[in-house]
C-alpha atoms as a PDB file:
ATOM      1  CA  TRP A   1      52.264 -53.640  -8.756  1.00  0.00           C
ATOM      2  CA  GLN A   2      51.111 -50.062  -9.332  1.00  0.00           C
ATOM      3  CA  PRO A   3      52.741 -47.672 -11.804  1.00  0.00           C
ATOM      4  CA  PRO A   4      54.078 -44.445 -10.282  1.00  0.00           C
ATOM      5  CA  ALA A   5      51.770 -41.460 -10.304  1.00  0.00           C
ATOM      6  CA  LEU A   6      53.043 -38.528 -12.350  1.00  0.00           C
ATOM      7  CA  ALA A   7      52.235 -35.024 -11.185  1.00  0.00           C
ATOM      8  CA  MET A   8      52.061 -32.435 -13.983  1.00  0.00           C
ATOM      9  CA  ASN A   9      52.284 -28.667 -13.598  1.00  0.00           C
ATOM     10  CA  ARG A  10      52.562 -25.897 -16.171  1.00  0.00           C
ATOM     11  CA  SER A  11      55.201 -23.268 -15.461  1.00  0.00           C
ATOM     12  CA  GLY A  12      56.703 -20.651 -17.752  1.00  0.00           C
ATOM     13  CA  GLY A  13      56.058 -22.413 -21.049  1.00  0.00           C
ATOM     14  CA  GLN A  14      57.090 -25.817 -19.741  1.00  0.00           C
ATOM     15  CA  LEU A  15      55.257 -28.864 -18.503  1.00  0.00           C
ATOM     16  CA  GLN A  16      56.976 -29.991 -15.306  1.00  0.00           C
ATOM     17  CA  CYS A  17      56.609 -33.638 -14.323  1.00  0.00           C
ATOM     18  CA  SER A  18      57.418 -35.206 -10.981  1.00  0.00           C
ATOM     19  CA  TRP A  19      57.014 -38.664  -9.437  1.00  0.00           C
ATOM     20  CA  PRO A  20      57.466 -40.312  -6.025  1.00  0.00           C
ATOM     21  CA  ALA A  21      60.944 -40.472  -4.480  1.00  0.00           C
ATOM     22  CA  ASP A  22      60.728 -44.269  -4.202  1.00  0.00           C
ATOM     23  CA  HIS A  23      60.995 -44.346  -8.020  1.00  0.00           C
ATOM     24  CA  LEU A  24      64.392 -42.633  -8.130  1.00  0.00           C
ATOM     25  CA  GLY A  25      66.398 -44.256 -10.899  1.00  0.00           C
ATOM     26  CA  TRP A  26      63.409 -44.804 -13.173  1.00  0.00           C
ATOM     27  CA  ARG A  27      63.500 -42.980 -16.525  1.00  0.00           C
ATOM     28  CA  LEU A  28      60.762 -40.706 -17.786  1.00  0.00           C
ATOM     29  CA  GLN A  29      60.200 -41.173 -21.502  1.00  0.00           C
ATOM     30  CA  MET A  30      58.152 -39.070 -23.887  1.00  0.00           C
ATOM     31  CA  ASN A  31      56.690 -39.697 -27.310  1.00  0.00           C
ATOM     32  CA  THR A  32      54.978 -37.317 -29.711  1.00  0.00           C
ATOM     33  CA  ASN A  33      53.741 -40.102 -31.977  1.00  0.00           C
ATOM     34  CA  LEU A  34      50.381 -41.714 -31.181  1.00  0.00           C
ATOM     35  CA  ALA A  35      51.603 -44.970 -32.735  1.00  0.00           C
ATOM     36  CA  GLY A  36      54.146 -45.176 -29.883  1.00  0.00           C
ATOM     37  CA  SER A  37      57.199 -45.993 -31.962  1.00  0.00           C
ATOM     38  CA  ASN A  38      59.516 -43.167 -30.979  1.00  0.00           C
ATOM     39  CA  TRP A  39      60.043 -43.166 -27.181  1.00  0.00           C
ATOM     40  CA  MET A  40      62.830 -40.838 -26.003  1.00  0.00           C
ATOM     41  CA  ASP A  41      64.440 -40.675 -22.552  1.00  0.00           C
ATOM     42  CA  MET A  42      64.047 -37.289 -20.906  1.00  0.00           C
ATOM     43  CA  PRO A  43      67.558 -36.042 -19.992  1.00  0.00           C
ATOM     44  CA  THR A  44      68.723 -36.588 -16.393  1.00  0.00           C
ATOM     45  CA  THR A  45      65.414 -38.054 -15.195  1.00  0.00           C
ATOM     46  CA  ALA A  46      67.109 -41.280 -14.043  1.00  0.00           C
ATOM     47  CA  LEU A  47      69.064 -39.130 -11.556  1.00  0.00           C
ATOM     48  CA  SER A  48      66.099 -37.253 -10.073  1.00  0.00           C
ATOM     49  CA  THR A  49      62.334 -37.336  -9.669  1.00  0.00           C
ATOM     50  CA  VAL A  50      61.516 -34.368 -11.920  1.00  0.00           C
ATOM     51  CA  GLY A  51      61.594 -33.526 -15.618  1.00  0.00           C
ATOM     52  CA  ALA A  52      60.487 -30.630 -17.810  1.00  0.00           C
ATOM     53  CA  VAL A  53      59.191 -30.521 -21.370  1.00  0.00           C
ATOM     54  CA  PRO A  54      58.751 -27.366 -23.487  1.00  0.00           C
ATOM     55  CA  MET A  55      55.104 -26.801 -24.321  1.00  0.00           C
ATOM     56  CA  THR A  56      55.667 -26.796 -28.087  1.00  0.00           C
ATOM     57  CA  TYR A  57      54.043 -30.138 -28.888  1.00  0.00           C
ATOM     58  CA  VAL A  58      50.421 -30.701 -29.864  1.00  0.00           C
ATOM     59  CA  SER A  59      50.332 -34.135 -28.189  1.00  0.00           C
ATOM     60  CA  VAL A  60      52.851 -35.684 -25.828  1.00  0.00           C
ATOM     61  CA  PHE A  61      52.686 -39.106 -24.206  1.00  0.00           C
ATOM     62  CA  PHE A  62      54.696 -40.106 -21.133  1.00  0.00           C
ATOM     63  CA  ARG A  63      55.723 -43.335 -19.476  1.00  0.00           C
ATOM     64  CA  MET A  64      58.033 -44.378 -16.654  1.00  0.00           C
ATOM     65  CA  VAL A  65      60.581 -47.098 -17.428  1.00  0.00           C
ATOM     66  CA  TYR A  66      62.292 -49.240 -14.820  1.00  0.00           C
ATOM     67  CA  PRO A  67      66.068 -49.351 -15.348  1.00  0.00           C
END
């Protein structure tokens, strides 16, 4: 099993993330805590293959979660 590859692009003050269409239904989660204790679902990412994050964080960590 291989985790999905995330593509990251910067656009207009946002970090735009996308992943392969065969992972539709997976959730993109982000965390701003290095300890990894505060994972948050990115809104609507389970319904698409893209997500956007404002570039206001010093450090952001991402992971894909299978439903």
